Amino acid sequence: MSTAGSPETSNQRTRAMAAMDAVEIKVTVRPDRVLRWKLNHNDFPHDLPLEEWRLPDGDDLVEVSIKTSPEDARQVQKEFDAYLRELGLDPEGAQETKTRTALEYFAKTHRETTSQRASH
């Protein structure tokens, strides 16, 4: 039988800690809220799928897109850009995918959490 301060217990702890270092830790991350809409506007002849992701820090990531055939892509893009401008939106504004932005947020949060744990 080993006691808390015995060399055998100390060796068991050392082996357990070494095994923990070798374990791959997987973290599940996801937005706090995901909303999806398919918008139809009388002034725009294409469906507008819209998706909103809310991150745990309260940031909202919104993505609106259109789908069309490759042959019509240039013309539809021009119509879409013009429609966004009519709505007061800048189609040349920040062009980051919500997935990349969310992953960068969660990676940063994970690094900060891991760093804080290591310093304690």
PDB file of N, CA and C in Angstrom:
ATOM      1  N   MET A   1       0.848  -1.175   0.000  1.00  0.00           N
ATOM      2  CA  MET A   1       0.000   0.000   0.000  1.00  0.00           C
ATOM      3  C   MET A   1       0.897   1.243   0.000  1.00  0.00           C
ATOM      4  N   SER A   2       0.534   2.223  -0.839  1.00  0.00           N
ATOM      5  CA  SER A   2       1.332   3.448  -0.898  1.00  0.00           C
ATOM      6  C   SER A   2       0.614   4.570  -0.172  1.00  0.00           C
ATOM      7  N   THR A   3       1.396   5.456   0.409  1.00  0.00           N
ATOM      8  CA  THR A   3       0.829   6.614   1.090  1.00  0.00           C
ATOM      9  C   THR A   3       1.110   7.855   0.273  1.00  0.00           C
ATOM     10  N   ALA A   4       0.454   8.963   0.628  1.00  0.00           N
ATOM     11  CA  ALA A   4       0.538  10.191  -0.159  1.00  0.00           C
ATOM     12  C   ALA A   4       1.963  10.669  -0.351  1.00  0.00           C
ATOM     13  N   GLY A   5       2.820  10.485   0.619  1.00  0.00           N
ATOM     14  CA  GLY A   5       4.178  11.004   0.515  1.00  0.00           C
ATOM     15  C   GLY A   5       5.206   9.962   0.140  1.00  0.00           C
ATOM     16  N   SER A   6       4.781   8.736  -0.115  1.00  0.00           N
ATOM     17  CA  SER A   6       5.748   7.672  -0.380  1.00  0.00           C
ATOM     18  C   SER A   6       6.372   7.827  -1.767  1.00  0.00           C
ATOM     19  N   PRO A   7       7.574   7.262  -1.934  1.00  0.00           N
ATOM     20  CA  PRO A   7       8.226   7.310  -3.252  1.00  0.00           C
ATOM     21  C   PRO A   7       7.391   6.641  -4.339  1.00  0.00           C
ATOM     22  N   GLU A   8       6.668   5.574  -3.966  1.00  0.00           N
ATOM     23  CA  GLU A   8       5.828   4.874  -4.949  1.00  0.00           C
ATOM     24  C   GLU A   8       4.729   5.796  -5.475  1.00  0.00           C
ATOM     25  N   THR A   9       4.082   6.547  -4.588  1.00  0.00           N
ATOM     26  CA  THR A   9       3.029   7.490  -4.993  1.00  0.00           C
ATOM     27  C   THR A   9       3.614   8.608  -5.841  1.00  0.00           C
ATOM     28  N   SER A  10       4.776   9.070  -5.474  1.00  0.00           N
ATOM     29  CA  SER A  10       5.441  10.119  -6.242  1.00  0.00           C
ATOM     30  C   SER A  10       5.734   9.631  -7.657  1.00  0.00           C
ATOM     31  N   ASN A  11       6.196   8.391  -7.794  1.00  0.00           N
ATOM     32  CA  ASN A  11       6.460   7.813  -9.117  1.00  0.00           C
ATOM     33  C   ASN A  11       5.172   7.666  -9.927  1.00  0.00           C
ATOM     34  N   GLN A  12       4.086   7.270  -9.264  1.00  0.00           N
ATOM     35  CA  GLN A  12       2.797   7.136  -9.946  1.00  0.00           C
ATOM     36  C   GLN A  12       2.348   8.502 -10.486  1.00  0.00           C
ATOM     37  N   ARG A  13       2.504   9.542  -9.654  1.00  0.00           N
ATOM     38  CA  ARG A  13       2.131  10.893 -10.096  1.00  0.00           C
ATOM     39  C   ARG A  13       2.989  11.326 -11.277  1.00  0.00           C
ATOM     40  N   THR A  14       4.272  11.055 -11.210  1.00  0.00           N
ATOM     41  CA  THR A  14       5.181  11.431 -12.294  1.00  0.00           C
ATOM     42  C   THR A  14       4.774  10.741 -13.592  1.00  0.00           C
ATOM     43  N   ARG A  15       4.474   9.427 -13.521  1.00  0.00           N
ATOM     44  CA  ARG A  15       4.045   8.686 -14.718  1.00  0.00           C
ATOM     45  C   ARG A  15       2.709   9.222 -15.246  1.00  0.00           C
ATOM     46  N   ALA A  16       1.803   9.547 -14.345  1.00  0.00           N
ATOM     47  CA  ALA A  16       0.498  10.076 -14.755  1.00  0.00           C
ATOM     48  C   ALA A  16       0.659  11.431 -15.443  1.00  0.00           C
ATOM     49  N   MET A  17       1.528  12.279 -14.895  1.00  0.00           N
ATOM     50  CA  MET A  17       1.753  13.596 -15.500  1.00  0.00           C
ATOM     51  C   MET A  17       2.397  13.451 -16.881  1.00  0.00           C
ATOM     52  N   ALA A  18       3.334  12.515 -17.003  1.00  0.00           N
ATOM     53  CA  ALA A  18       3.988  12.282 -18.301  1.00  0.00           C
ATOM     54  C   ALA A  18       2.964  11.785 -19.317  1.00  0.00           C
ATOM     55  N   ALA A  19       2.075  10.914 -18.884  1.00  0.00           N
ATOM     56  CA  ALA A  19       1.035  10.405 -19.781  1.00  0.00           C
ATOM     57  C   ALA A  19       0.098  11.527 -20.199  1.00  0.00           C
ATOM     58  N   MET A  20      -0.200  12.444 -19.280  1.00  0.00           N
ATOM     59  CA  MET A  20      -1.093  13.563 -19.607  1.00  0.00           C
ATOM     60  C   MET A  20      -0.465  14.473 -20.651  1.00  0.00           C
ATOM     61  N   ASP A  21       0.867  14.647 -20.607  1.00  0.00           N
ATOM     62  CA  ASP A  21       1.549  15.469 -21.601  1.00  0.00           C
ATOM     63  C   ASP A  21       1.414  14.873 -22.993  1.00  0.00           C
ATOM     64  N   ALA A  22       1.307  13.539 -23.072  1.00  0.00           N
ATOM     65  CA  ALA A  22       1.235  12.867 -24.360  1.00  0.00           C
ATOM     66  C   ALA A  22      -0.198  12.788 -24.896  1.00  0.00           C
ATOM     67  N   VAL A  23      -1.169  13.135 -24.078  1.00  0.00           N
ATOM     68  CA  VAL A  23      -2.568  13.045 -24.485  1.00  0.00           C
ATOM     69  C   VAL A  23      -2.924  14.236 -25.361  1.00  0.00           C
ATOM     70  N   GLU A  24      -3.577  13.951 -26.457  1.00  0.00           N
ATOM     71  CA  GLU A  24      -4.062  15.025 -27.325  1.00  0.00           C
ATOM     72  C   GLU A  24      -5.408  15.484 -26.771  1.00  0.00           C
ATOM     73  N   ILE A  25      -5.504  16.756 -26.483  1.00  0.00           N
ATOM     74  CA  ILE A  25      -6.736  17.299 -25.929  1.00  0.00           C
ATOM     75  C   ILE A  25      -7.521  17.944 -27.064  1.00  0.00           C
ATOM     76  N   LYS A  26      -8.748  17.511 -27.221  1.00  0.00           N
ATOM     77  CA  LYS A  26      -9.608  18.085 -28.249  1.00  0.00           C
ATOM     78  C   LYS A  26     -10.639  18.981 -27.576  1.00  0.00           C
ATOM     79  N   VAL A  27     -10.810  20.149 -28.130  1.00  0.00           N
ATOM     80  CA  VAL A  27     -11.733  21.121 -27.572  1.00  0.00           C
ATOM     81  C   VAL A  27     -12.832  21.377 -28.600  1.00  0.00           C
ATOM     82  N   THR A  28     -14.074  21.278 -28.182  1.00  0.00           N
ATOM     83  CA  THR A  28     -15.186  21.579 -29.063  1.00  0.00           C
ATOM     84  C   THR A  28     -15.516  23.053 -28.926  1.00  0.00           C
ATOM     85  N   VAL A  29     -15.560  23.736 -30.049  1.00  0.00           N
ATOM     86  CA  VAL A  29     -15.891  25.152 -30.040  1.00  0.00           C
ATOM     87  C   VAL A  29     -17.048  25.382 -30.996  1.00  0.00           C
ATOM     88  N   ARG A  30     -17.880  26.329 -30.639  1.00  0.00           N
ATOM     89  CA  ARG A  30     -18.992  26.678 -31.514  1.00  0.00           C
ATOM     90  C   ARG A  30     -19.528  28.039 -31.094  1.00  0.00           C
ATOM     91  N   PRO A  31     -20.159  28.728 -32.032  1.00  0.00           N
ATOM     92  CA  PRO A  31     -20.790  29.998 -31.662  1.00  0.00           C
ATOM     93  C   PRO A  31     -21.886  29.767 -30.626  1.00  0.00           C
ATOM     94  N   ASP A  32     -22.208  30.813 -29.874  1.00  0.00           N
ATOM     95  CA  ASP A  32     -23.292  30.713 -28.897  1.00  0.00           C
ATOM     96  C   ASP A  32     -24.647  30.563 -29.581  1.00  0.00           C
ATOM     97  N   ARG A  33     -24.760  31.195 -30.761  1.00  0.00           N
ATOM     98  CA  ARG A  33     -26.047  31.163 -31.465  1.00  0.00           C
ATOM     99  C   ARG A  33     -25.776  31.192 -32.966  1.00  0.00           C
ATOM    100  N   VAL A  34     -26.554  30.404 -33.690  1.00  0.00           N
ATOM    101  CA  VAL A  34     -26.492  30.414 -35.150  1.00  0.00           C
ATOM    102  C   VAL A  34     -27.911  30.577 -35.668  1.00  0.00           C
ATOM    103  N   LEU A  35     -28.103  31.601 -36.492  1.00  0.00           N
ATOM    104  CA  LEU A  35     -29.409  31.839 -37.107  1.00  0.00           C
ATOM    105  C   LEU A  35     -29.238  31.828 -38.621  1.00  0.00           C
ATOM    106  N   ARG A  36     -30.208  31.253 -39.326  1.00  0.00           N
ATOM    107  CA  ARG A  36     -30.166  31.217 -40.791  1.00  0.00           C
ATOM    108  C   ARG A  36     -31.492  31.705 -41.342  1.00  0.00           C
ATOM    109  N   TRP A  37     -31.393  32.527 -42.378  1.00  0.00           N
ATOM    110  CA  TRP A  37     -32.579  33.011 -43.074  1.00  0.00           C
ATOM    111  C   TRP A  37     -32.373  32.860 -44.575  1.00  0.00           C
ATOM    112  N   LYS A  38     -33.448  32.737 -45.310  1.00  0.00           N
ATOM    113  CA  LYS A  38     -33.395  32.827 -46.765  1.00  0.00           C
ATOM    114  C   LYS A  38     -34.319  33.989 -47.109  1.00  0.00           C
ATOM    115  N   LEU A  39     -33.713  35.105 -47.481  1.00  0.00           N
ATOM    116  CA  LEU A  39     -34.462  36.329 -47.716  1.00  0.00           C
ATOM    117  C   LEU A  39     -34.850  36.467 -49.184  1.00  0.00           C
ATOM    118  N   ASN A  40     -36.052  36.951 -49.407  1.00  0.00           N
ATOM    119  CA  ASN A  40     -36.514  37.294 -50.746  1.00  0.00           C
ATOM    120  C   ASN A  40     -36.883  38.768 -50.725  1.00  0.00           C
ATOM    121  N   HIS A  41     -36.270  39.535 -51.609  1.00  0.00           N
ATOM    122  CA  HIS A  41     -36.549  40.966 -51.689  1.00  0.00           C
ATOM    123  C   HIS A  41     -37.209  41.274 -53.020  1.00  0.00           C
ATOM    124  N   ASN A  42     -38.221  42.129 -52.963  1.00  0.00           N
ATOM    125  CA  ASN A  42     -38.895  42.522 -54.196  1.00  0.00           C
ATOM    126  C   ASN A  42     -37.963  43.255 -55.138  1.00  0.00           C
ATOM    127  N   ASP A  43     -36.972  43.953 -54.586  1.00  0.00           N
ATOM    128  CA  ASP A  43     -36.060  44.755 -55.397  1.00  0.00           C
ATOM    129  C   ASP A  43     -34.848  43.977 -55.911  1.00  0.00           C
ATOM    130  N   PHE A  44     -34.729  42.709 -55.544  1.00  0.00           N
ATOM    131  CA  PHE A  44     -33.567  41.921 -55.947  1.00  0.00           C
ATOM    132  C   PHE A  44     -34.053  40.543 -56.385  1.00  0.00           C
ATOM    133  N   PRO A  45     -33.741  40.129 -57.607  1.00  0.00           N
ATOM    134  CA  PRO A  45     -34.343  38.908 -58.166  1.00  0.00           C
ATOM    135  C   PRO A  45     -33.718  37.586 -57.705  1.00  0.00           C
ATOM    136  N   HIS A  46     -32.799  37.605 -56.760  1.00  0.00           N
ATOM    137  CA  HIS A  46     -32.125  36.376 -56.309  1.00  0.00           C
ATOM    138  C   HIS A  46     -32.394  36.146 -54.824  1.00  0.00           C
ATOM    139  N   ASP A  47     -32.435  34.862 -54.436  1.00  0.00           N
ATOM    140  CA  ASP A  47     -32.530  34.534 -53.005  1.00  0.00           C
ATOM    141  C   ASP A  47     -31.259  35.011 -52.312  1.00  0.00           C
ATOM    142  N   LEU A  48     -31.413  35.451 -51.072  1.00  0.00           N
ATOM    143  CA  LEU A  48     -30.271  35.913 -50.282  1.00  0.00           C
ATOM    144  C   LEU A  48     -30.174  35.081 -49.002  1.00  0.00           C
ATOM    145  N   PRO A  49     -29.440  33.964 -49.041  1.00  0.00           N
ATOM    146  CA  PRO A  49     -29.221  33.221 -47.795  1.00  0.00           C
ATOM    147  C   PRO A  49     -28.365  34.065 -46.857  1.00  0.00           C
ATOM    148  N   LEU A  50     -28.803  34.185 -45.613  1.00  0.00           N
ATOM    149  CA  LEU A  50     -28.097  34.991 -44.626  1.00  0.00           C
ATOM    150  C   LEU A  50     -27.869  34.126 -43.396  1.00  0.00           C
ATOM    151  N   GLU A  51     -26.670  34.203 -42.846  1.00  0.00           N
ATOM    152  CA  GLU A  51     -26.340  33.428 -41.655  1.00  0.00           C
ATOM    153  C   GLU A  51     -25.674  34.345 -40.639  1.00  0.00           C
ATOM    154  N   GLU A  52     -26.091  34.217 -39.387  1.00  0.00           N
ATOM    155  CA  GLU A  52     -25.504  35.011 -38.301  1.00  0.00           C
ATOM    156  C   GLU A  52     -24.961  34.067 -37.242  1.00  0.00           C
ATOM    157  N   TRP A  53     -23.717  34.298 -36.844  1.00  0.00           N
ATOM    158  CA  TRP A  53     -23.110  33.563 -35.741  1.00  0.00           C
ATOM    159  C   TRP A  53     -22.814  34.563 -34.638  1.00  0.00           C
ATOM    160  N   ARG A  54     -23.213  34.247 -33.413  1.00  0.00           N
ATOM    161  CA  ARG A  54     -22.864  35.069 -32.255  1.00  0.00           C
ATOM    162  C   ARG A  54     -21.783  34.345 -31.463  1.00  0.00           C
ATOM    163  N   LEU A  55     -20.654  35.038 -31.280  1.00  0.00           N
ATOM    164  CA  LEU A  55     -19.550  34.468 -30.517  1.00  0.00           C
ATOM    165  C   LEU A  55     -19.760  34.710 -29.023  1.00  0.00           C
ATOM    166  N   PRO A  56     -19.107  33.942 -28.173  1.00  0.00           N
ATOM    167  CA  PRO A  56     -19.276  34.116 -26.723  1.00  0.00           C
ATOM    168  C   PRO A  56     -18.958  35.520 -26.215  1.00  0.00           C
ATOM    169  N   ASP A  57     -18.105  36.284 -26.923  1.00  0.00           N
ATOM    170  CA  ASP A  57     -17.804  37.647 -26.477  1.00  0.00           C
ATOM    171  C   ASP A  57     -18.851  38.659 -26.946  1.00  0.00           C
ATOM    172  N   GLY A  58     -19.917  38.182 -27.610  1.00  0.00           N
ATOM    173  CA  GLY A  58     -20.998  39.059 -28.052  1.00  0.00           C
ATOM    174  C   GLY A  58     -20.870  39.538 -29.484  1.00  0.00           C
ATOM    175  N   ASP A  59     -19.719  39.301 -30.126  1.00  0.00           N
ATOM    176  CA  ASP A  59     -19.562  39.704 -31.526  1.00  0.00           C
ATOM    177  C   ASP A  59     -20.510  38.909 -32.411  1.00  0.00           C
ATOM    178  N   ASP A  60     -21.068  39.585 -33.399  1.00  0.00           N
ATOM    179  CA  ASP A  60     -21.915  38.940 -34.395  1.00  0.00           C
ATOM    180  C   ASP A  60     -21.168  38.871 -35.714  1.00  0.00           C
ATOM    181  N   LEU A  61     -21.185  37.702 -36.333  1.00  0.00           N
ATOM    182  CA  LEU A  61     -20.618  37.529 -37.661  1.00  0.00           C
ATOM    183  C   LEU A  61     -21.786  37.250 -38.595  1.00  0.00           C
ATOM    184  N   VAL A  62     -21.934  38.072 -39.606  1.00  0.00           N
ATOM    185  CA  VAL A  62     -23.059  37.921 -40.526  1.00  0.00           C
ATOM    186  C   VAL A  62     -22.515  37.703 -41.926  1.00  0.00           C
ATOM    187  N   GLU A  63     -23.078  36.714 -42.598  1.00  0.00           N
ATOM    188  CA  GLU A  63     -22.664  36.406 -43.961  1.00  0.00           C
ATOM    189  C   GLU A  63     -23.910  36.335 -44.832  1.00  0.00           C
ATOM    190  N   VAL A  64     -23.884  37.069 -45.922  1.00  0.00           N
ATOM    191  CA  VAL A  64     -24.971  37.016 -46.897  1.00  0.00           C
ATOM    192  C   VAL A  64     -24.348  36.584 -48.217  1.00  0.00           C
ATOM    193  N   SER A  65     -25.054  35.747 -48.941  1.00  0.00           N
ATOM    194  CA  SER A  65     -24.480  35.230 -50.180  1.00  0.00           C
ATOM    195  C   SER A  65     -25.580  35.073 -51.228  1.00  0.00           C
ATOM    196  N   ILE A  66     -25.149  34.832 -52.431  1.00  0.00           N
ATOM    197  CA  ILE A  66     -26.084  34.532 -53.515  1.00  0.00           C
ATOM    198  C   ILE A  66     -25.548  33.331 -54.258  1.00  0.00           C
ATOM    199  N   LYS A  67     -26.432  32.627 -54.919  1.00  0.00           N
ATOM    200  CA  LYS A  67     -26.023  31.483 -55.726  1.00  0.00           C
ATOM    201  C   LYS A  67     -26.521  31.706 -57.142  1.00  0.00           C
ATOM    202  N   THR A  68     -25.644  31.382 -58.081  1.00  0.00           N
ATOM    203  CA  THR A  68     -25.993  31.536 -59.483  1.00  0.00           C
ATOM    204  C   THR A  68     -25.130  30.592 -60.302  1.00  0.00           C
ATOM    205  N   SER A  69     -25.427  30.503 -61.562  1.00  0.00           N
ATOM    206  CA  SER A  69     -24.632  29.658 -62.455  1.00  0.00           C
ATOM    207  C   SER A  69     -23.298  30.346 -62.750  1.00  0.00           C
ATOM    208  N   PRO A  70     -22.283  29.575 -63.097  1.00  0.00           N
ATOM    209  CA  PRO A  70     -20.986  30.183 -63.433  1.00  0.00           C
ATOM    210  C   PRO A  70     -21.097  31.179 -64.594  1.00  0.00           C
ATOM    211  N   GLU A  71     -21.983  30.891 -65.553  1.00  0.00           N
ATOM    212  CA  GLU A  71     -22.120  31.790 -66.705  1.00  0.00           C
ATOM    213  C   GLU A  71     -22.649  33.166 -66.299  1.00  0.00           C
ATOM    214  N   ASP A  72     -23.493  33.208 -65.277  1.00  0.00           N
ATOM    215  CA  ASP A  72     -24.126  34.466 -64.858  1.00  0.00           C
ATOM    216  C   ASP A  72     -23.396  35.151 -63.701  1.00  0.00           C
ATOM    217  N   ALA A  73     -22.315  34.543 -63.222  1.00  0.00           N
ATOM    218  CA  ALA A  73     -21.674  35.006 -61.992  1.00  0.00           C
ATOM    219  C   ALA A  73     -21.248  36.469 -62.041  1.00  0.00           C
ATOM    220  N   ARG A  74     -20.620  36.909 -63.106  1.00  0.00           N
ATOM    221  CA  ARG A  74     -20.148  38.309 -63.168  1.00  0.00           C
ATOM    222  C   ARG A  74     -21.307  39.297 -63.113  1.00  0.00           C
ATOM    223  N   GLN A  75     -22.346  39.025 -63.888  1.00  0.00           N
ATOM    224  CA  GLN A  75     -23.488  39.937 -63.918  1.00  0.00           C
ATOM    225  C   GLN A  75     -24.219  39.952 -62.573  1.00  0.00           C
ATOM    226  N   VAL A  76     -24.419  38.788 -62.001  1.00  0.00           N
ATOM    227  CA  VAL A  76     -25.122  38.703 -60.717  1.00  0.00           C
ATOM    228  C   VAL A  76     -24.296  39.375 -59.616  1.00  0.00           C
ATOM    229  N   GLN A  77     -22.975  39.238 -59.675  1.00  0.00           N
ATOM    230  CA  GLN A  77     -22.110  39.911 -58.696  1.00  0.00           C
ATOM    231  C   GLN A  77     -22.287  41.430 -58.786  1.00  0.00           C
ATOM    232  N   LYS A  78     -22.335  41.957 -59.998  1.00  0.00           N
ATOM    233  CA  LYS A  78     -22.548  43.402 -60.181  1.00  0.00           C
ATOM    234  C   LYS A  78     -23.900  43.823 -59.612  1.00  0.00           C
ATOM    235  N   GLU A  79     -24.947  43.038 -59.886  1.00  0.00           N
ATOM    236  CA  GLU A  79     -26.282  43.343 -59.353  1.00  0.00           C
ATOM    237  C   GLU A  79     -26.286  43.288 -57.826  1.00  0.00           C
ATOM    238  N   PHE A  80     -25.615  42.285 -57.280  1.00  0.00           N
ATOM    239  CA  PHE A  80     -25.547  42.111 -55.833  1.00  0.00           C
ATOM    240  C   PHE A  80     -24.816  43.285 -55.179  1.00  0.00           C
ATOM    241  N   ASP A  81     -23.676  43.673 -55.735  1.00  0.00           N
ATOM    242  CA  ASP A  81     -22.920  44.816 -55.209  1.00  0.00           C
ATOM    243  C   ASP A  81     -23.767  46.093 -55.247  1.00  0.00           C
ATOM    244  N   ALA A  82     -24.463  46.312 -56.361  1.00  0.00           N
ATOM    245  CA  ALA A  82     -25.316  47.496 -56.484  1.00  0.00           C
ATOM    246  C   ALA A  82     -26.442  47.459 -55.450  1.00  0.00           C
ATOM    247  N   TYR A  83     -27.015  46.293 -55.235  1.00  0.00           N
ATOM    248  CA  TYR A  83     -28.096  46.156 -54.262  1.00  0.00           C
ATOM    249  C   TYR A  83     -27.592  46.432 -52.839  1.00  0.00           C
ATOM    250  N   LEU A  84     -26.418  45.917 -52.519  1.00  0.00           N
ATOM    251  CA  LEU A  84     -25.848  46.185 -51.194  1.00  0.00           C
ATOM    252  C   LEU A  84     -25.620  47.682 -50.995  1.00  0.00           C
ATOM    253  N   ARG A  85     -25.132  48.353 -52.025  1.00  0.00           N
ATOM    254  CA  ARG A  85     -24.920  49.807 -51.924  1.00  0.00           C
ATOM    255  C   ARG A  85     -26.244  50.535 -51.699  1.00  0.00           C
ATOM    256  N   GLU A  86     -27.307  50.097 -52.376  1.00  0.00           N
ATOM    257  CA  GLU A  86     -28.634  50.697 -52.168  1.00  0.00           C
ATOM    258  C   GLU A  86     -29.072  50.566 -50.711  1.00  0.00           C
ATOM    259  N   LEU A  87     -28.664  49.480 -50.079  1.00  0.00           N
ATOM    260  CA  LEU A  87     -29.012  49.247 -48.673  1.00  0.00           C
ATOM    261  C   LEU A  87     -28.059  49.956 -47.708  1.00  0.00           C
ATOM    262  N   GLY A  88     -27.081  50.670 -48.260  1.00  0.00           N
ATOM    263  CA  GLY A  88     -26.125  51.386 -47.418  1.00  0.00           C
ATOM    264  C   GLY A  88     -24.984  50.517 -46.925  1.00  0.00           C
ATOM    265  N   LEU A  89     -24.772  49.379 -47.571  1.00  0.00           N
ATOM    266  CA  LEU A  89     -23.699  48.466 -47.181  1.00  0.00           C
ATOM    267  C   LEU A  89     -22.557  48.554 -48.187  1.00  0.00           C
ATOM    268  N   ASP A  90     -21.341  48.382 -47.697  1.00  0.00           N
ATOM    269  CA  ASP A  90     -20.163  48.472 -48.547  1.00  0.00           C
ATOM    270  C   ASP A  90     -19.720  47.076 -48.973  1.00  0.00           C
ATOM    271  N   PRO A  91     -19.934  46.710 -50.238  1.00  0.00           N
ATOM    272  CA  PRO A  91     -19.519  45.369 -50.676  1.00  0.00           C
ATOM    273  C   PRO A  91     -17.999  45.198 -50.697  1.00  0.00           C
ATOM    274  N   GLU A  92     -17.266  46.299 -50.617  1.00  0.00           N
ATOM    275  CA  GLU A  92     -15.811  46.225 -50.589  1.00  0.00           C
ATOM    276  C   GLU A  92     -15.280  46.216 -49.159  1.00  0.00           C
ATOM    277  N   GLY A  93     -16.170  46.221 -48.180  1.00  0.00           N
ATOM    278  CA  GLY A  93     -15.771  46.248 -46.772  1.00  0.00           C
ATOM    279  C   GLY A  93     -15.057  44.971 -46.363  1.00  0.00           C
ATOM    280  N   ALA A  94     -14.980  44.750 -45.072  1.00  0.00           N
ATOM    281  CA  ALA A  94     -14.267  43.585 -44.532  1.00  0.00           C
ATOM    282  C   ALA A  94     -14.777  42.308 -45.195  1.00  0.00           C
ATOM    283  N   GLN A  95     -13.889  41.605 -45.827  1.00  0.00           N
ATOM    284  CA  GLN A  95     -14.248  40.375 -46.535  1.00  0.00           C
ATOM    285  C   GLN A  95     -13.582  39.181 -45.863  1.00  0.00           C
ATOM    286  N   GLU A  96     -14.050  38.852 -44.688  1.00  0.00           N
ATOM    287  CA  GLU A  96     -13.528  37.703 -43.967  1.00  0.00           C
ATOM    288  C   GLU A  96     -14.647  36.700 -43.783  1.00  0.00           C
ATOM    289  N   THR A  97     -14.335  35.439 -43.984  1.00  0.00           N
ATOM    290  CA  THR A  97     -15.368  34.431 -43.786  1.00  0.00           C
ATOM    291  C   THR A  97     -15.657  34.286 -42.300  1.00  0.00           C
ATOM    292  N   LYS A  98     -16.880  33.978 -41.993  1.00  0.00           N
ATOM    293  CA  LYS A  98     -17.259  33.833 -40.588  1.00  0.00           C
ATOM    294  C   LYS A  98     -16.522  32.656 -39.955  1.00  0.00           C
ATOM    295  N   THR A  99     -16.278  31.608 -40.733  1.00  0.00           N
ATOM    296  CA  THR A  99     -15.580  30.442 -40.197  1.00  0.00           C
ATOM    297  C   THR A  99     -14.165  30.802 -39.775  1.00  0.00           C
ATOM    298  N   ARG A 100     -13.441  31.504 -40.628  1.00  0.00           N
ATOM    299  CA  ARG A 100     -12.067  31.882 -40.289  1.00  0.00           C
ATOM    300  C   ARG A 100     -12.045  32.809 -39.074  1.00  0.00           C
ATOM    301  N   THR A 101     -12.936  33.791 -39.058  1.00  0.00           N
ATOM    302  CA  THR A 101     -12.993  34.732 -37.942  1.00  0.00           C
ATOM    303  C   THR A 101     -13.317  34.006 -36.641  1.00  0.00           C
ATOM    304  N   ALA A 102     -14.276  33.087 -36.688  1.00  0.00           N
ATOM    305  CA  ALA A 102     -14.653  32.339 -35.487  1.00  0.00           C
ATOM    306  C   ALA A 102     -13.496  31.452 -35.016  1.00  0.00           C
ATOM    307  N   LEU A 103     -12.831  30.771 -35.950  1.00  0.00           N
ATOM    308  CA  LEU A 103     -11.710  29.913 -35.558  1.00  0.00           C
ATOM    309  C   LEU A 103     -10.566  30.725 -34.955  1.00  0.00           C
ATOM    310  N   GLU A 104     -10.287  31.892 -35.515  1.00  0.00           N
ATOM    311  CA  GLU A 104      -9.251  32.755 -34.938  1.00  0.00           C
ATOM    312  C   GLU A 104      -9.629  33.191 -33.529  1.00  0.00           C
ATOM    313  N   TYR A 105     -10.901  33.535 -33.327  1.00  0.00           N
ATOM    314  CA  TYR A 105     -11.384  33.922 -31.994  1.00  0.00           C
ATOM    315  C   TYR A 105     -11.179  32.771 -31.003  1.00  0.00           C
ATOM    316  N   PHE A 106     -11.639  31.551 -31.371  1.00  0.00           N
ATOM    317  CA  PHE A 106     -11.547  30.426 -30.460  1.00  0.00           C
ATOM    318  C   PHE A 106     -10.093  30.011 -30.213  1.00  0.00           C
ATOM    319  N   ALA A 107      -9.239  30.108 -31.223  1.00  0.00           N
ATOM    320  CA  ALA A 107      -7.814  29.789 -31.035  1.00  0.00           C
ATOM    321  C   ALA A 107      -7.183  30.769 -30.053  1.00  0.00           C
ATOM    322  N   LYS A 108      -7.489  32.059 -30.206  1.00  0.00           N
ATOM    323  CA  LYS A 108      -6.953  33.074 -29.294  1.00  0.00           C
ATOM    324  C   LYS A 108      -7.444  32.826 -27.871  1.00  0.00           C
ATOM    325  N   THR A 109      -8.729  32.551 -27.724  1.00  0.00           N
ATOM    326  CA  THR A 109      -9.305  32.285 -26.408  1.00  0.00           C
ATOM    327  C   THR A 109      -8.652  31.064 -25.773  1.00  0.00           C
ATOM    328  N   HIS A 110      -8.442  30.018 -26.585  1.00  0.00           N
ATOM    329  CA  HIS A 110      -7.812  28.794 -26.071  1.00  0.00           C
ATOM    330  C   HIS A 110      -6.375  29.069 -25.631  1.00  0.00           C
ATOM    331  N   ARG A 111      -5.617  29.828 -26.430  1.00  0.00           N
ATOM    332  CA  ARG A 111      -4.232  30.172 -26.053  1.00  0.00           C
ATOM    333  C   ARG A 111      -4.205  30.954 -24.748  1.00  0.00           C
ATOM    334  N   GLU A 112      -5.105  31.936 -24.610  1.00  0.00           N
ATOM    335  CA  GLU A 112      -5.144  32.749 -23.390  1.00  0.00           C
ATOM    336  C   GLU A 112      -5.484  31.896 -22.184  1.00  0.00           C
ATOM    337  N   THR A 113      -6.450  30.984 -22.323  1.00  0.00           N
ATOM    338  CA  THR A 113      -6.862  30.115 -21.222  1.00  0.00           C
ATOM    339  C   THR A 113      -5.716  29.188 -20.832  1.00  0.00           C
ATOM    340  N   THR A 114      -5.053  28.611 -21.834  1.00  0.00           N
ATOM    341  CA  THR A 114      -3.940  27.704 -21.573  1.00  0.00           C
ATOM    342  C   THR A 114      -2.795  28.454 -20.902  1.00  0.00           C
ATOM    343  N   SER A 115      -2.516  29.665 -21.347  1.00  0.00           N
ATOM    344  CA  SER A 115      -1.451  30.477 -20.761  1.00  0.00           C
ATOM    345  C   SER A 115      -1.776  30.820 -19.308  1.00  0.00           C
ATOM    346  N   GLN A 116      -3.024  31.166 -19.032  1.00  0.00           N
ATOM    347  CA  GLN A 116      -3.424  31.511 -17.657  1.00  0.00           C
ATOM    348  C   GLN A 116      -3.287  30.298 -16.741  1.00  0.00           C
ATOM    349  N   ARG A 117      -3.679  29.122 -17.244  1.00  0.00           N
ATOM    350  CA  ARG A 117      -3.567  27.898 -16.426  1.00  0.00           C
ATOM    351  C   ARG A 117      -2.108  27.588 -16.127  1.00  0.00           C
ATOM    352  N   ALA A 118      -1.264  27.777 -17.123  1.00  0.00           N
ATOM    353  CA  ALA A 118       0.161  27.474 -16.956  1.00  0.00           C
ATOM    354  C   ALA A 118       0.828  28.393 -15.945  1.00  0.00           C
ATOM    355  N   SER A 119       0.342  29.638 -15.852  1.00  0.00           N
ATOM    356  CA  SER A 119       0.967  30.599 -14.937  1.00  0.00           C
ATOM    357  C   SER A 119       0.503  30.430 -13.498  1.00  0.00           C
ATOM    358  N   HIS A 120      -0.511  29.612 -13.280  1.00  0.00           N
ATOM    359  CA  HIS A 120      -0.988  29.417 -11.890  1.00  0.00           C
ATOM    360  C   HIS A 120      -0.389  28.209 -11.250  1.00  0.00           C
TER     361      HIS A 120
END
